[in-house]
Amino acid sequence: MSRRIVVKIGSQVLCDPRGALNAEVMASLVGQLGRLSGQGHQLLLVSSGAVAAGSGVAGERLARISDPVARKQVLAATGQVRLMERYRQLFEQHGLTVAQVLASKSDFQTRRHYLNMRGCIEALLEAGIVPVVNENDVVAITELMFTDNDELAGLLAGMVNADLLCLLTTVPGVFDGDPDDPATRCIDTWDDSRHQVEDIVQRGTSALGRGGMHSKLAIALKTARLGTGVVIADGSEPDILLRVVGDQGAGTWFPPQGEASSTKRWLTSADAHAAGWVTVNDGAATALLDRSRLASLLPVGVEAVNGRFSAGDVIQIRNSAGRILGCGRARYDHEEALRLMGKRGQKPLIHYDYLYLLH
């Protein structure tokens, strides 16, 4: 059965510590992607490595640039060209065409931008073209940067309703303890009832990238809850993608849990930059979290309104203790929400069709 697959390759998989692209690893992974395409799968590749590749190109010229932001922009601009040209050559050997897609977090902020980007990627996939996506580091600023390309890959998996997300890194999966402990084992299948994130994962990032296992695990859990299966695996293992897609027990598997609508997948991508939030009383919180029935957020359940938002903006919903329960698309602007706060008999502030709950 053909599937829609998002593959994310990290900087440490693609590059050596000096920033040079690892030609052997790239050729192997593209070869596997070529075979998967030949089997009828639709593929979307999220590739890190532009900044790292740029460090192998710019060389001594970087000494002239003192601004660290400008330095990174130069690395990204020069490295992206090198990275994409290599991908073009490799995929062409397998009869495949690639397309470059550079994304920023602002592309996920509004429904219109989101749908425009989704339409472009859907068209590429239907045409049998492999989109190669990376964050647009040339124009990204700190407050609009993805946590890392793991986050971008998770958002894209939701956007295109992918069947599978493969996060390729330099370890065989998620360990159940300290990797240096001989008794530690790689988890085959994640089970929320048995495994706790903070108990088994240490925070940290790699030398070449912004992410780490903690980030990958958070993205994997969130993506699986939206209905896309996720695997975290070692990208340098022989035929790793073929083994993952062939269900041969590679890496750590996160089974999909239910299925979310296109709108709710967008809401999860927009939650990180919500325009404001409302605090709800205990009764409203209980009603919203009752999975036995659909519930909208009515003004009568709101006890505080924060931020300046317009109708149609994404806002967070918090309980009286400040815990984020979810997010949704506001029917009213913040002034109207304040005016209606606590009143009965009003239309929902957030209709259940535009409500996404985290729990």
Protein backbone atom coordinates (compact mmCIF):
# COMPACT_ATOMS: atom_id res chain seq x y z
CA MET A 1 0.00 0.00 0.00
CA SER A 2 1.40 3.39 -1.00
CA ARG A 3 1.84 5.93 1.76
CA ARG A 4 2.64 9.62 2.15
CA ILE A 5 5.92 9.85 4.02
CA VAL A 6 7.79 12.82 5.50
CA VAL A 7 11.51 12.19 6.10
CA LYS A 8 13.61 14.57 8.18
CA ILE A 9 17.40 14.30 8.00
CA GLY A 10 19.44 16.09 10.66
CA SER A 11 22.67 18.02 10.23
CA GLN A 12 24.76 15.45 12.03
CA VAL A 13 23.53 12.74 9.67
CA LEU A 14 24.31 14.78 6.55
CA CYS A 15 27.56 16.44 7.53
CA ASP A 16 30.84 15.58 9.19
CA PRO A 17 31.98 17.69 12.20
CA ARG A 18 33.82 20.06 9.85
CA GLY A 19 30.61 20.86 7.99
CA ALA A 20 31.37 18.96 4.81
CA LEU A 21 28.47 17.06 3.28
CA ASN A 22 28.81 13.30 3.71
CA ALA A 23 28.45 12.17 0.10
CA GLU A 24 28.17 8.48 0.98
CA VAL A 25 25.33 8.94 3.48
CA MET A 26 23.46 11.34 1.20
CA ALA A 27 23.71 8.94 -1.74
CA SER A 28 22.48 6.05 0.40
CA LEU A 29 19.45 7.94 1.74
CA VAL A 30 18.49 9.34 -1.66
CA GLY A 31 18.84 5.86 -3.13
CA GLN A 32 16.41 4.53 -0.53
CA LEU A 33 14.01 7.40 -1.23
CA GLY A 34 14.23 6.55 -4.92
CA ARG A 35 13.26 2.95 -4.23
CA LEU A 36 10.35 4.06 -2.03
CA SER A 37 9.13 6.38 -4.78
CA GLY A 38 9.31 3.47 -7.20
CA GLN A 39 7.04 1.53 -4.85
CA GLY A 40 4.41 4.28 -5.18
CA HIS A 41 5.02 6.24 -1.99
CA GLN A 42 4.77 10.04 -1.99
CA LEU A 43 7.81 11.62 -0.36
CA LEU A 44 8.52 14.94 1.32
CA LEU A 45 12.07 15.54 2.51
CA VAL A 46 12.90 17.97 5.32
CA SER A 47 16.64 18.49 5.19
CA SER A 48 18.90 20.27 7.62
CA GLY A 49 22.48 20.93 6.65
CA ALA A 50 22.42 24.27 4.82
CA VAL A 51 24.19 26.25 7.56
CA ALA A 52 26.59 23.38 8.22
CA ALA A 53 27.29 22.98 4.50
CA GLY A 54 27.86 26.70 4.20
CA SER A 55 30.65 26.50 6.76
CA GLY A 56 32.50 24.31 4.31
CA VAL A 57 32.07 26.87 1.52
CA ALA A 58 32.42 30.37 2.96
CA GLY A 59 35.78 29.62 4.59
CA GLU A 60 37.99 32.60 5.33
CA ARG A 61 35.39 35.05 4.02
CA LEU A 62 33.47 34.64 7.27
CA ALA A 63 36.26 36.39 9.15
CA ARG A 64 35.07 39.64 7.57
CA ILE A 65 31.62 39.33 9.20
CA SER A 66 31.39 40.21 12.89
CA ASP A 67 27.59 40.14 13.30
CA PRO A 68 26.62 36.57 14.32
CA VAL A 69 23.15 36.89 12.73
CA ALA A 70 24.62 38.06 9.42
CA ARG A 71 27.22 35.28 9.65
CA LYS A 72 24.50 32.65 9.95
CA GLN A 73 22.58 34.20 7.06
CA VAL A 74 25.67 34.00 4.86
CA LEU A 75 26.22 30.38 5.85
CA ALA A 76 22.60 29.52 5.09
CA ALA A 77 22.55 31.33 1.75
CA THR A 78 25.77 29.76 0.48
CA GLY A 79 25.14 26.35 1.98
CA GLN A 80 21.56 26.02 0.67
CA VAL A 81 22.79 26.29 -2.91
CA ARG A 82 25.36 23.59 -2.35
CA LEU A 83 22.90 21.34 -0.55
CA MET A 84 20.18 21.60 -3.18
CA GLU A 85 22.55 21.08 -6.10
CA ARG A 86 23.78 17.88 -4.51
CA TYR A 87 20.21 16.69 -3.96
CA ARG A 88 19.30 17.56 -7.54
CA GLN A 89 22.16 15.44 -8.87
CA LEU A 90 21.44 12.48 -6.60
CA PHE A 91 17.67 12.37 -7.18
CA GLU A 92 18.17 12.79 -10.93
CA GLN A 93 20.13 9.52 -10.93
CA HIS A 94 16.88 7.84 -9.83
CA GLY A 95 14.69 9.63 -12.36
CA LEU A 96 13.25 12.02 -9.79
CA THR A 97 12.83 15.79 -9.83
CA VAL A 98 13.19 17.86 -6.67
CA ALA A 99 11.76 21.23 -5.72
CA GLN A 100 13.15 23.60 -3.11
CA VAL A 101 10.71 24.89 -0.49
CA LEU A 102 11.96 27.35 2.12
CA ALA A 103 9.61 27.83 5.06
CA SER A 104 9.36 30.20 8.00
CA LYS A 105 7.11 30.07 11.04
CA SER A 106 5.05 32.95 9.65
CA ASP A 107 3.85 30.55 6.92
CA PHE A 108 1.89 28.73 9.63
CA GLN A 109 0.50 31.79 11.41
CA THR A 110 -2.53 32.57 9.29
CA ARG A 111 -5.00 30.19 7.70
CA ARG A 112 -4.47 31.80 4.27
CA HIS A 113 -0.67 31.36 4.30
CA TYR A 114 -1.07 27.84 5.61
CA LEU A 115 -3.48 26.83 2.85
CA ASN A 116 -1.31 28.46 0.16
CA MET A 117 1.73 26.52 1.29
CA ARG A 118 -0.24 23.30 1.61
CA GLY A 119 -1.63 23.75 -1.91
CA CYS A 120 1.86 24.13 -3.35
CA ILE A 121 3.24 21.06 -1.57
CA GLU A 122 0.17 18.96 -2.43
CA ALA A 123 0.61 19.87 -6.11
CA LEU A 124 4.29 18.86 -6.04
CA LEU A 125 3.45 15.52 -4.41
CA GLU A 126 0.67 14.79 -6.90
CA ALA A 127 3.09 15.56 -9.75
CA GLY A 128 5.60 13.05 -8.40
CA ILE A 129 8.10 15.80 -7.51
CA VAL A 130 9.98 15.51 -4.22
CA PRO A 131 9.75 18.73 -2.15
CA VAL A 132 12.97 19.38 -0.24
CA VAL A 133 12.04 21.67 2.64
CA ASN A 134 14.26 23.65 4.97
CA GLU A 135 13.78 26.61 7.26
CA ASN A 136 14.49 29.91 5.53
CA ASP A 137 17.42 30.83 7.78
CA VAL A 138 18.32 33.76 5.52
CA VAL A 139 15.32 35.78 6.69
CA ALA A 140 14.34 34.04 9.95
CA ILE A 141 14.49 36.04 13.15
CA THR A 142 14.61 34.55 16.63
CA GLU A 143 10.95 34.98 17.54
CA LEU A 144 9.85 33.44 14.23
CA MET A 145 12.29 30.54 14.11
CA PHE A 146 11.25 26.94 14.42
CA THR A 147 12.71 25.19 17.45
CA ASP A 148 14.54 23.08 14.86
CA ASN A 149 13.75 21.15 11.68
CA ASP A 150 12.12 18.42 13.77
CA GLU A 151 9.37 20.92 14.58
CA LEU A 152 9.09 21.91 10.91
CA ALA A 153 8.86 18.25 9.89
CA GLY A 154 6.10 17.62 12.43
CA LEU A 155 4.13 20.63 11.21
CA LEU A 156 4.48 19.52 7.60
CA ALA A 157 3.40 15.98 8.45
CA GLY A 158 0.20 17.46 9.87
CA MET A 159 -0.22 19.84 6.95
CA VAL A 160 -0.15 17.11 4.29
CA ASN A 161 -1.87 14.48 6.45
CA ALA A 162 1.15 12.18 6.22
CA ASP A 163 0.90 8.51 7.10
CA LEU A 164 4.44 8.37 8.45
CA LEU A 165 7.09 10.77 9.78
CA CYS A 166 10.70 9.52 9.93
CA LEU A 167 13.05 11.57 12.11
CA LEU A 168 16.56 10.46 11.22
CA THR A 169 19.32 11.20 13.71
CA THR A 170 22.63 9.63 14.83
CA VAL A 171 21.24 7.27 17.49
CA PRO A 172 19.16 4.11 16.95
CA GLY A 173 16.11 5.52 18.72
CA VAL A 174 14.92 6.61 22.16
CA PHE A 175 16.71 4.92 25.06
CA ASP A 176 14.97 3.97 28.29
CA GLY A 177 17.79 5.47 30.38
CA ASP A 178 21.34 6.80 30.20
CA PRO A 179 22.81 5.66 26.84
CA ASP A 180 26.18 5.15 28.57
CA ASP A 181 24.66 2.61 30.96
CA PRO A 182 25.13 -0.96 29.62
CA ALA A 183 21.70 -1.88 30.99
CA THR A 184 19.97 0.78 28.87
CA ARG A 185 17.90 -0.43 25.94
CA CYS A 186 16.39 1.26 22.89
CA ILE A 187 12.60 1.48 23.15
CA ASP A 188 10.92 -0.42 20.30
CA THR A 189 7.43 1.06 20.72
CA TRP A 190 6.57 4.09 22.82
CA ASP A 191 3.84 3.54 25.40
CA ASP A 192 2.50 6.58 27.28
CA SER A 193 1.47 4.37 30.20
CA ARG A 194 5.02 3.05 30.67
CA HIS A 195 7.36 5.77 29.46
CA GLN A 196 7.75 9.28 30.88
CA VAL A 197 9.61 11.89 28.85
CA GLU A 198 11.49 13.58 31.67
CA ASP A 199 12.54 10.26 33.21
CA ILE A 200 14.47 9.02 30.21
CA VAL A 201 15.58 11.95 28.07
CA GLN A 202 18.31 14.44 28.88
CA ARG A 203 18.07 17.87 27.33
CA GLY A 204 20.83 18.86 24.96
CA THR A 205 21.65 19.80 21.38
CA SER A 206 24.14 18.65 18.81
CA ALA A 207 27.13 20.68 17.69
CA LEU A 208 25.68 21.23 14.20
CA GLY A 209 21.97 21.63 14.97
CA ARG A 210 19.53 23.35 17.32
CA GLY A 211 17.60 20.23 18.28
CA GLY A 212 18.15 17.24 20.51
CA MET A 213 16.37 14.07 21.57
CA HIS A 214 14.07 15.99 23.90
CA SER A 215 12.83 18.04 20.95
CA LYS A 216 12.44 14.97 18.73
CA LEU A 217 10.47 13.15 21.39
CA ALA A 218 8.12 16.11 21.95
CA ILE A 219 7.46 16.40 18.22
CA ALA A 220 6.98 12.64 17.84
CA LEU A 221 4.38 12.52 20.62
CA LYS A 222 2.48 15.55 19.32
CA THR A 223 2.50 14.28 15.72
CA ALA A 224 1.35 10.79 16.73
CA ARG A 225 -1.58 12.30 18.66
CA LEU A 226 -2.71 13.96 15.41
CA GLY A 227 -2.86 10.62 13.60
CA THR A 228 0.56 10.30 11.94
CA GLY A 229 2.84 7.42 12.94
CA VAL A 230 6.41 8.46 13.81
CA VAL A 231 9.77 6.68 13.87
CA ILE A 232 13.00 8.03 15.37
CA ALA A 233 15.93 6.11 13.91
CA ASP A 234 19.64 6.24 12.98
CA GLY A 235 20.00 7.72 9.51
CA SER A 236 23.42 6.13 9.00
CA GLU A 237 22.17 2.55 9.37
CA PRO A 238 22.12 0.62 6.06
CA ASP A 239 18.71 0.70 4.33
CA ILE A 240 17.16 2.37 7.37
CA LEU A 241 14.26 3.95 5.47
CA LEU A 242 13.45 0.71 3.67
CA ARG A 243 13.40 -1.10 7.00
CA VAL A 244 11.21 1.56 8.64
CA VAL A 245 8.67 1.62 5.82
CA GLY A 246 8.79 -2.16 5.61
CA ASP A 247 7.84 -2.43 9.30
CA GLN A 248 11.05 -4.30 10.12
CA GLY A 249 11.38 -2.99 13.66
CA ALA A 250 13.90 -0.19 13.12
CA GLY A 251 14.16 2.71 15.58
CA THR A 252 11.51 3.73 18.10
CA TRP A 253 7.92 3.58 16.85
CA PHE A 254 5.20 6.01 17.98
CA PRO A 255 1.81 4.59 16.93
CA PRO A 256 -0.78 7.04 15.56
CA GLN A 257 -3.60 7.88 17.95
CA GLY A 258 -6.88 8.76 16.25
CA GLU A 259 -7.14 11.31 13.47
CA ALA A 260 -7.47 15.10 13.51
CA SER A 261 -9.18 17.28 10.92
CA SER A 262 -7.21 19.59 8.63
CA THR A 263 -8.39 22.60 10.65
CA LYS A 264 -7.30 21.10 13.95
CA ARG A 265 -3.92 20.16 12.49
CA TRP A 266 -3.48 23.81 11.54
CA LEU A 267 -4.52 24.95 15.00
CA THR A 268 -1.76 22.86 16.57
CA SER A 269 0.79 24.47 14.27
CA ALA A 270 -0.43 27.97 15.14
CA ASP A 271 -0.64 27.41 18.90
CA ALA A 272 2.99 28.36 19.55
CA HIS A 273 2.38 31.93 18.37
CA ALA A 274 -1.17 32.45 19.66
CA ALA A 275 -2.30 36.07 19.72
CA GLY A 276 -3.60 35.86 23.29
CA TRP A 277 -5.33 33.61 25.77
CA VAL A 278 -8.42 33.24 27.91
CA THR A 279 -8.70 31.72 31.36
CA VAL A 280 -11.72 29.48 31.94
CA ASN A 281 -13.41 28.45 35.16
CA ASP A 282 -13.36 24.90 36.48
CA GLY A 283 -16.78 24.07 35.05
CA ALA A 284 -15.79 25.09 31.55
CA ALA A 285 -12.47 23.22 31.82
CA THR A 286 -14.27 20.03 32.85
CA ALA A 287 -16.77 20.35 30.00
CA LEU A 288 -14.08 20.98 27.40
CA LEU A 289 -11.97 18.00 28.48
CA ASP A 290 -14.92 15.60 28.55
CA ARG A 291 -14.12 13.44 25.53
CA SER A 292 -17.56 11.81 25.61
CA ARG A 293 -19.13 14.86 23.95
CA LEU A 294 -18.27 17.80 21.72
CA ALA A 295 -18.15 21.13 23.52
CA SER A 296 -17.59 24.71 22.43
CA LEU A 297 -16.13 27.43 24.64
CA LEU A 298 -18.96 29.74 25.71
CA PRO A 299 -18.34 33.25 27.10
CA VAL A 300 -20.05 32.25 30.36
CA GLY A 301 -17.10 29.96 31.13
CA VAL A 302 -14.45 32.65 30.60
CA GLU A 303 -13.12 34.45 33.65
CA ALA A 304 -10.20 36.41 32.13
CA VAL A 305 -9.10 37.65 28.68
CA ASN A 306 -5.46 38.43 27.90
CA GLY A 307 -3.70 39.88 24.86
CA ARG A 308 -4.96 41.79 21.85
CA PHE A 309 -6.49 39.48 19.27
CA SER A 310 -8.87 39.81 16.36
CA ALA A 311 -11.70 37.57 15.22
CA GLY A 312 -10.14 34.62 13.43
CA ASP A 313 -6.88 34.69 15.43
CA VAL A 314 -5.66 31.63 17.31
CA ILE A 315 -5.83 31.97 21.10
CA GLN A 316 -4.89 29.62 23.91
CA ILE A 317 -7.27 28.30 26.56
CA ARG A 318 -5.92 28.05 30.11
CA ASN A 319 -7.43 26.81 33.34
CA SER A 320 -7.43 28.78 36.60
CA ALA A 321 -4.02 27.32 37.51
CA GLY A 322 -2.49 28.62 34.27
CA ARG A 323 -2.22 25.22 32.58
CA ILE A 324 -2.71 25.35 28.79
CA LEU A 325 -5.66 23.13 27.87
CA GLY A 326 -5.60 23.79 24.13
CA CYS A 327 -6.19 26.47 21.55
CA GLY A 328 -8.81 27.62 19.09
CA ARG A 329 -9.86 30.18 16.53
CA ALA A 330 -11.63 33.11 18.20
CA ARG A 331 -15.06 34.19 16.97
CA TYR A 332 -14.69 37.63 18.61
CA ASP A 333 -11.88 40.14 19.01
CA HIS A 334 -10.44 40.77 22.48
CA GLU A 335 -12.68 43.77 23.20
CA GLU A 336 -15.86 41.85 22.39
CA ALA A 337 -14.59 38.85 24.36
CA LEU A 338 -14.07 41.10 27.38
CA ARG A 339 -17.55 42.59 27.00
CA LEU A 340 -19.20 39.16 26.80
CA MET A 341 -17.02 37.47 29.43
CA GLY A 342 -19.08 35.53 31.96
CA LYS A 343 -22.40 36.21 30.21
CA ARG A 344 -24.89 33.49 29.40
CA GLY A 345 -26.85 33.00 26.19
CA GLN A 346 -24.09 34.17 23.85
CA LYS A 347 -22.64 32.43 20.79
CA PRO A 348 -19.43 30.44 21.47
CA LEU A 349 -16.15 32.31 21.71
CA ILE A 350 -14.64 29.21 20.07
CA HIS A 351 -16.86 26.71 18.24
CA TYR A 352 -15.85 23.06 18.71
CA ASP A 353 -14.95 22.76 15.00
CA TYR A 354 -12.20 25.34 15.64
CA LEU A 355 -11.07 23.99 19.00
CA TYR A 356 -8.05 21.76 19.65
CA LEU A 357 -7.45 20.33 23.12
CA LEU A 358 -4.06 19.04 24.20
CA HIS A 359 -5.40 16.47 26.67
